[in-house]
Amino acid sequence: MDILKLIFAGLNVVFGLVALVAPKRLADAVGLGTENPVGIAEIRNGWGGIYLAMGVGLIVLQNPAAYAIVGMGYAGMGLTRLVQMALFPILRTPTQAGIVVFEAITAIVLVLL
């Protein structure tokens, strides 16, 4: 199952790179505002920097504890997203549903496999 974990680590790298290179496109896809340079910088920092660093870290370290910690982060994001979707009907979109499924799968792969 190590290859599966490496694939998901690689997906983190890809997502981070996309956030660095095309923050506006990514933000538009999930409904975030990018009206000013600060918003774009935050997407690059908060998504680009952290996802890229997590993915590279997982690939370099290949440590079960590191995979578990990142996986638990995905579990936390997914659970939070589910609660928000339950509370706010406007968030019940195919995009949000797809994201929560991806977060759940990533958490399962990184924590349990």
N, C-alpha and C. Protein backbone atom coordinates (compact mmCIF):
# COMPACT_ATOMS: atom_id res chain seq x y z
N MET A 1 0.80 -1.20 0.00
CA MET A 1 0.00 0.00 0.00
C MET A 1 0.84 1.27 0.00
N ASP A 2 2.15 1.11 0.13
CA ASP A 2 3.01 2.28 0.12
C ASP A 2 2.89 3.06 -1.18
N ILE A 3 2.71 2.36 -2.29
CA ILE A 3 2.59 3.05 -3.57
C ILE A 3 1.34 3.93 -3.60
N LEU A 4 0.26 3.45 -2.99
CA LEU A 4 -0.98 4.23 -2.92
C LEU A 4 -0.76 5.50 -2.09
N LYS A 5 -0.04 5.35 -0.99
CA LYS A 5 0.27 6.53 -0.16
C LYS A 5 1.13 7.52 -0.93
N LEU A 6 2.08 7.02 -1.70
CA LEU A 6 2.93 7.91 -2.50
C LEU A 6 2.12 8.62 -3.58
N ILE A 7 1.14 7.93 -4.13
CA ILE A 7 0.27 8.57 -5.13
C ILE A 7 -0.48 9.73 -4.49
N PHE A 8 -1.04 9.52 -3.30
CA PHE A 8 -1.78 10.59 -2.63
C PHE A 8 -0.84 11.70 -2.17
N ALA A 9 0.39 11.37 -1.81
CA ALA A 9 1.38 12.40 -1.50
C ALA A 9 1.64 13.23 -2.75
N GLY A 10 1.76 12.55 -3.89
CA GLY A 10 1.97 13.24 -5.16
C GLY A 10 0.80 14.15 -5.52
N LEU A 11 -0.42 13.73 -5.20
CA LEU A 11 -1.58 14.57 -5.45
C LEU A 11 -1.51 15.86 -4.63
N ASN A 12 -0.97 15.76 -3.42
CA ASN A 12 -0.76 16.96 -2.61
C ASN A 12 0.21 17.91 -3.31
N VAL A 13 1.27 17.35 -3.86
CA VAL A 13 2.25 18.17 -4.58
C VAL A 13 1.60 18.85 -5.77
N VAL A 14 0.83 18.09 -6.54
CA VAL A 14 0.16 18.65 -7.72
C VAL A 14 -0.80 19.76 -7.31
N PHE A 15 -1.61 19.52 -6.29
CA PHE A 15 -2.56 20.54 -5.83
C PHE A 15 -1.82 21.79 -5.38
N GLY A 16 -0.73 21.59 -4.63
CA GLY A 16 0.07 22.73 -4.18
C GLY A 16 0.63 23.53 -5.33
N LEU A 17 1.13 22.84 -6.35
CA LEU A 17 1.67 23.54 -7.52
C LEU A 17 0.59 24.31 -8.27
N VAL A 18 -0.59 23.71 -8.40
CA VAL A 18 -1.70 24.40 -9.07
C VAL A 18 -2.07 25.66 -8.29
N ALA A 19 -2.11 25.55 -6.97
CA ALA A 19 -2.44 26.71 -6.14
C ALA A 19 -1.39 27.81 -6.27
N LEU A 20 -0.14 27.43 -6.44
CA LEU A 20 0.92 28.42 -6.61
C LEU A 20 0.86 29.09 -7.97
N VAL A 21 0.61 28.30 -9.00
CA VAL A 21 0.67 28.79 -10.38
C VAL A 21 -0.64 29.44 -10.82
N ALA A 22 -1.77 28.87 -10.42
CA ALA A 22 -3.07 29.37 -10.88
C ALA A 22 -4.03 29.57 -9.71
N PRO A 23 -3.69 30.44 -8.77
CA PRO A 23 -4.55 30.60 -7.58
C PRO A 23 -5.95 31.11 -7.90
N LYS A 24 -6.07 31.99 -8.87
CA LYS A 24 -7.39 32.54 -9.20
C LYS A 24 -8.31 31.47 -9.77
N ARG A 25 -7.78 30.66 -10.64
CA ARG A 25 -8.59 29.59 -11.24
C ARG A 25 -9.07 28.61 -10.16
N LEU A 26 -8.18 28.25 -9.26
CA LEU A 26 -8.54 27.33 -8.18
C LEU A 26 -9.56 27.97 -7.24
N ALA A 27 -9.35 29.23 -6.90
CA ALA A 27 -10.28 29.94 -6.01
C ALA A 27 -11.66 30.05 -6.65
N ASP A 28 -11.70 30.36 -7.93
CA ASP A 28 -12.99 30.45 -8.62
C ASP A 28 -13.73 29.11 -8.60
N ALA A 29 -12.99 28.03 -8.70
CA ALA A 29 -13.61 26.70 -8.72
C ALA A 29 -14.32 26.38 -7.40
N VAL A 30 -13.83 26.93 -6.30
CA VAL A 30 -14.45 26.64 -5.00
C VAL A 30 -15.20 27.83 -4.41
N GLY A 31 -15.27 28.92 -5.17
CA GLY A 31 -16.07 30.06 -4.74
C GLY A 31 -15.39 31.03 -3.81
N LEU A 32 -14.07 31.09 -3.83
CA LEU A 32 -13.36 32.07 -3.00
C LEU A 32 -13.11 33.34 -3.77
N GLY A 33 -13.02 34.46 -3.05
CA GLY A 33 -12.78 35.73 -3.70
C GLY A 33 -11.29 35.98 -3.94
N THR A 34 -11.00 36.56 -5.07
CA THR A 34 -9.62 36.93 -5.38
C THR A 34 -9.59 38.35 -5.94
N GLU A 35 -10.38 39.22 -5.33
CA GLU A 35 -10.49 40.58 -5.83
C GLU A 35 -9.25 41.42 -5.59
N ASN A 36 -8.41 41.00 -4.65
CA ASN A 36 -7.21 41.78 -4.37
C ASN A 36 -5.99 40.86 -4.23
N PRO A 37 -4.82 41.43 -4.32
CA PRO A 37 -3.59 40.62 -4.25
C PRO A 37 -3.42 39.85 -2.94
N VAL A 38 -4.00 40.35 -1.87
CA VAL A 38 -3.89 39.65 -0.58
C VAL A 38 -4.61 38.31 -0.64
N GLY A 39 -5.79 38.28 -1.26
CA GLY A 39 -6.53 37.03 -1.39
C GLY A 39 -5.77 36.02 -2.23
N ILE A 40 -5.19 36.48 -3.31
CA ILE A 40 -4.41 35.59 -4.17
C ILE A 40 -3.18 35.08 -3.42
N ALA A 41 -2.52 35.96 -2.69
CA ALA A 41 -1.35 35.55 -1.91
C ALA A 41 -1.72 34.51 -0.85
N GLU A 42 -2.87 34.69 -0.23
CA GLU A 42 -3.30 33.73 0.80
C GLU A 42 -3.58 32.36 0.20
N ILE A 43 -4.13 32.32 -0.99
CA ILE A 43 -4.35 31.03 -1.65
C ILE A 43 -3.02 30.38 -1.97
N ARG A 44 -2.08 31.17 -2.47
CA ARG A 44 -0.75 30.62 -2.74
C ARG A 44 -0.10 30.11 -1.46
N ASN A 45 -0.21 30.89 -0.38
CA ASN A 45 0.40 30.50 0.89
C ASN A 45 -0.32 29.34 1.55
N GLY A 46 -1.62 29.54 1.75
CA GLY A 46 -2.41 28.58 2.51
C GLY A 46 -2.65 27.27 1.80
N TRP A 47 -2.76 27.30 0.49
CA TRP A 47 -2.96 26.06 -0.25
C TRP A 47 -1.68 25.63 -0.94
N GLY A 48 -1.11 26.54 -1.70
CA GLY A 48 0.09 26.19 -2.46
C GLY A 48 1.23 25.75 -1.56
N GLY A 49 1.60 26.61 -0.64
CA GLY A 49 2.74 26.31 0.22
C GLY A 49 2.55 25.10 1.10
N ILE A 50 1.41 25.02 1.75
CA ILE A 50 1.23 23.92 2.71
C ILE A 50 1.02 22.58 2.01
N TYR A 51 0.24 22.54 0.95
CA TYR A 51 0.02 21.26 0.27
C TYR A 51 1.28 20.77 -0.42
N LEU A 52 2.01 21.69 -1.01
CA LEU A 52 3.27 21.32 -1.64
C LEU A 52 4.25 20.79 -0.59
N ALA A 53 4.37 21.49 0.52
CA ALA A 53 5.29 21.04 1.58
C ALA A 53 4.84 19.70 2.18
N MET A 54 3.54 19.53 2.39
CA MET A 54 3.07 18.25 2.94
C MET A 54 3.37 17.10 1.98
N GLY A 55 3.08 17.30 0.71
CA GLY A 55 3.31 16.24 -0.27
C GLY A 55 4.78 15.89 -0.38
N VAL A 56 5.63 16.90 -0.50
CA VAL A 56 7.07 16.64 -0.59
C VAL A 56 7.56 15.99 0.70
N GLY A 57 7.09 16.48 1.83
CA GLY A 57 7.48 15.89 3.11
C GLY A 57 7.12 14.42 3.20
N LEU A 58 5.92 14.07 2.77
CA LEU A 58 5.51 12.66 2.80
C LEU A 58 6.39 11.81 1.89
N ILE A 59 6.68 12.33 0.70
CA ILE A 59 7.50 11.58 -0.25
C ILE A 59 8.92 11.39 0.29
N VAL A 60 9.48 12.44 0.87
CA VAL A 60 10.85 12.37 1.38
C VAL A 60 10.93 11.51 2.63
N LEU A 61 10.03 11.73 3.58
CA LEU A 61 10.09 11.02 4.86
C LEU A 61 9.61 9.57 4.77
N GLN A 62 8.53 9.35 4.03
CA GLN A 62 7.90 8.03 3.95
C GLN A 62 7.80 7.38 5.33
N ASN A 63 7.26 8.17 6.25
CA ASN A 63 7.14 7.76 7.64
C ASN A 63 5.67 7.52 7.97
N PRO A 64 5.34 6.37 8.56
CA PRO A 64 3.93 6.07 8.87
C PRO A 64 3.26 7.15 9.73
N ALA A 65 3.99 7.72 10.67
CA ALA A 65 3.40 8.76 11.52
C ALA A 65 3.10 10.02 10.70
N ALA A 66 3.97 10.37 9.77
CA ALA A 66 3.73 11.54 8.93
C ALA A 66 2.49 11.32 8.06
N TYR A 67 2.38 10.14 7.47
CA TYR A 67 1.18 9.84 6.67
C TYR A 67 -0.07 9.94 7.53
N ALA A 68 -0.01 9.41 8.75
CA ALA A 68 -1.17 9.43 9.63
C ALA A 68 -1.57 10.85 10.01
N ILE A 69 -0.59 11.69 10.30
CA ILE A 69 -0.90 13.07 10.68
C ILE A 69 -1.56 13.82 9.53
N VAL A 70 -1.01 13.71 8.33
CA VAL A 70 -1.61 14.39 7.18
C VAL A 70 -3.00 13.80 6.92
N GLY A 71 -3.13 12.49 7.03
CA GLY A 71 -4.44 11.86 6.85
C GLY A 71 -5.46 12.34 7.85
N MET A 72 -5.04 12.53 9.10
CA MET A 72 -5.96 13.05 10.12
C MET A 72 -6.36 14.48 9.79
N GLY A 73 -5.46 15.23 9.21
CA GLY A 73 -5.81 16.58 8.76
C GLY A 73 -6.90 16.54 7.71
N TYR A 74 -6.76 15.60 6.77
CA TYR A 74 -7.81 15.44 5.75
C TYR A 74 -9.13 15.00 6.38
N ALA A 75 -9.06 14.13 7.37
CA ALA A 75 -10.29 13.69 8.06
C ALA A 75 -10.96 14.89 8.73
N GLY A 76 -10.16 15.73 9.36
CA GLY A 76 -10.70 16.93 10.00
C GLY A 76 -11.34 17.88 9.00
N MET A 77 -10.68 18.07 7.86
CA MET A 77 -11.26 18.93 6.82
C MET A 77 -12.57 18.35 6.31
N GLY A 78 -12.59 17.05 6.07
CA GLY A 78 -13.79 16.41 5.54
C GLY A 78 -14.95 16.48 6.51
N LEU A 79 -14.68 16.21 7.79
CA LEU A 79 -15.75 16.27 8.79
C LEU A 79 -16.28 17.69 8.95
N THR A 80 -15.38 18.66 8.95
CA THR A 80 -15.80 20.06 9.04
C THR A 80 -16.64 20.45 7.84
N ARG A 81 -16.22 20.01 6.67
CA ARG A 81 -16.96 20.31 5.44
C ARG A 81 -18.36 19.69 5.51
N LEU A 82 -18.47 18.44 5.99
CA LEU A 82 -19.78 17.79 6.11
C LEU A 82 -20.70 18.56 7.05
N VAL A 83 -20.18 19.01 8.18
CA VAL A 83 -20.98 19.78 9.13
C VAL A 83 -21.47 21.07 8.47
N GLN A 84 -20.56 21.76 7.78
CA GLN A 84 -20.95 23.00 7.13
C GLN A 84 -21.99 22.76 6.04
N MET A 85 -21.84 21.67 5.31
CA MET A 85 -22.83 21.34 4.28
C MET A 85 -24.19 21.05 4.90
N ALA A 86 -24.18 20.44 6.08
CA ALA A 86 -25.45 20.17 6.77
C ALA A 86 -26.10 21.46 7.27
N LEU A 87 -25.28 22.39 7.73
CA LEU A 87 -25.80 23.63 8.31
C LEU A 87 -26.18 24.68 7.26
N PHE A 88 -25.47 24.69 6.15
CA PHE A 88 -25.66 25.73 5.14
C PHE A 88 -25.97 25.10 3.79
N PRO A 89 -27.25 25.06 3.42
CA PRO A 89 -27.65 24.42 2.16
C PRO A 89 -26.93 24.95 0.92
N ILE A 90 -26.51 26.21 0.95
CA ILE A 90 -25.83 26.78 -0.21
C ILE A 90 -24.52 26.04 -0.51
N LEU A 91 -23.97 25.36 0.49
CA LEU A 91 -22.72 24.62 0.32
C LEU A 91 -22.92 23.22 -0.24
N ARG A 92 -24.15 22.81 -0.41
CA ARG A 92 -24.42 21.47 -0.93
C ARG A 92 -24.35 21.47 -2.45
N THR A 93 -23.12 21.52 -2.95
CA THR A 93 -22.89 21.55 -4.40
C THR A 93 -22.11 20.31 -4.82
N PRO A 94 -22.15 19.98 -6.08
CA PRO A 94 -21.35 18.85 -6.56
C PRO A 94 -19.85 19.04 -6.29
N THR A 95 -19.38 20.27 -6.38
CA THR A 95 -17.96 20.52 -6.11
C THR A 95 -17.63 20.20 -4.66
N GLN A 96 -18.44 20.69 -3.73
CA GLN A 96 -18.20 20.42 -2.31
C GLN A 96 -18.33 18.93 -2.00
N ALA A 97 -19.29 18.27 -2.60
CA ALA A 97 -19.45 16.83 -2.40
C ALA A 97 -18.23 16.07 -2.91
N GLY A 98 -17.74 16.47 -4.07
CA GLY A 98 -16.54 15.83 -4.62
C GLY A 98 -15.33 16.03 -3.73
N ILE A 99 -15.20 17.24 -3.19
CA ILE A 99 -14.07 17.53 -2.30
C ILE A 99 -14.15 16.67 -1.05
N VAL A 100 -15.33 16.56 -0.46
CA VAL A 100 -15.45 15.77 0.78
C VAL A 100 -15.18 14.29 0.51
N VAL A 101 -15.57 13.79 -0.63
CA VAL A 101 -15.25 12.40 -0.98
C VAL A 101 -13.74 12.23 -1.12
N PHE A 102 -13.09 13.17 -1.81
CA PHE A 102 -11.64 13.10 -1.95
C PHE A 102 -10.95 13.16 -0.58
N GLU A 103 -11.43 14.05 0.30
CA GLU A 103 -10.84 14.16 1.63
C GLU A 103 -11.01 12.87 2.42
N ALA A 104 -12.16 12.24 2.30
CA ALA A 104 -12.41 10.98 3.00
C ALA A 104 -11.51 9.87 2.48
N ILE A 105 -11.40 9.76 1.17
CA ILE A 105 -10.55 8.72 0.58
C ILE A 105 -9.09 8.95 0.97
N THR A 106 -8.66 10.20 0.91
CA THR A 106 -7.28 10.51 1.28
C THR A 106 -7.02 10.16 2.74
N ALA A 107 -7.94 10.50 3.61
CA ALA A 107 -7.78 10.18 5.04
C ALA A 107 -7.69 8.67 5.24
N ILE A 108 -8.55 7.92 4.58
CA ILE A 108 -8.54 6.46 4.72
C ILE A 108 -7.21 5.89 4.24
N VAL A 109 -6.76 6.33 3.07
CA VAL A 109 -5.51 5.80 2.51
C VAL A 109 -4.33 6.14 3.42
N LEU A 110 -4.24 7.38 3.87
CA LEU A 110 -3.07 7.79 4.63
C LEU A 110 -3.07 7.31 6.08
N VAL A 111 -4.24 7.13 6.67
CA VAL A 111 -4.31 6.70 8.06
C VAL A 111 -4.44 5.19 8.22
N LEU A 112 -5.29 4.58 7.42
CA LEU A 112 -5.64 3.18 7.67
C LEU A 112 -4.89 2.16 6.82
N LEU A 113 -4.37 2.55 5.68
CA LEU A 113 -3.71 1.57 4.82
C LEU A 113 -2.21 1.52 5.03
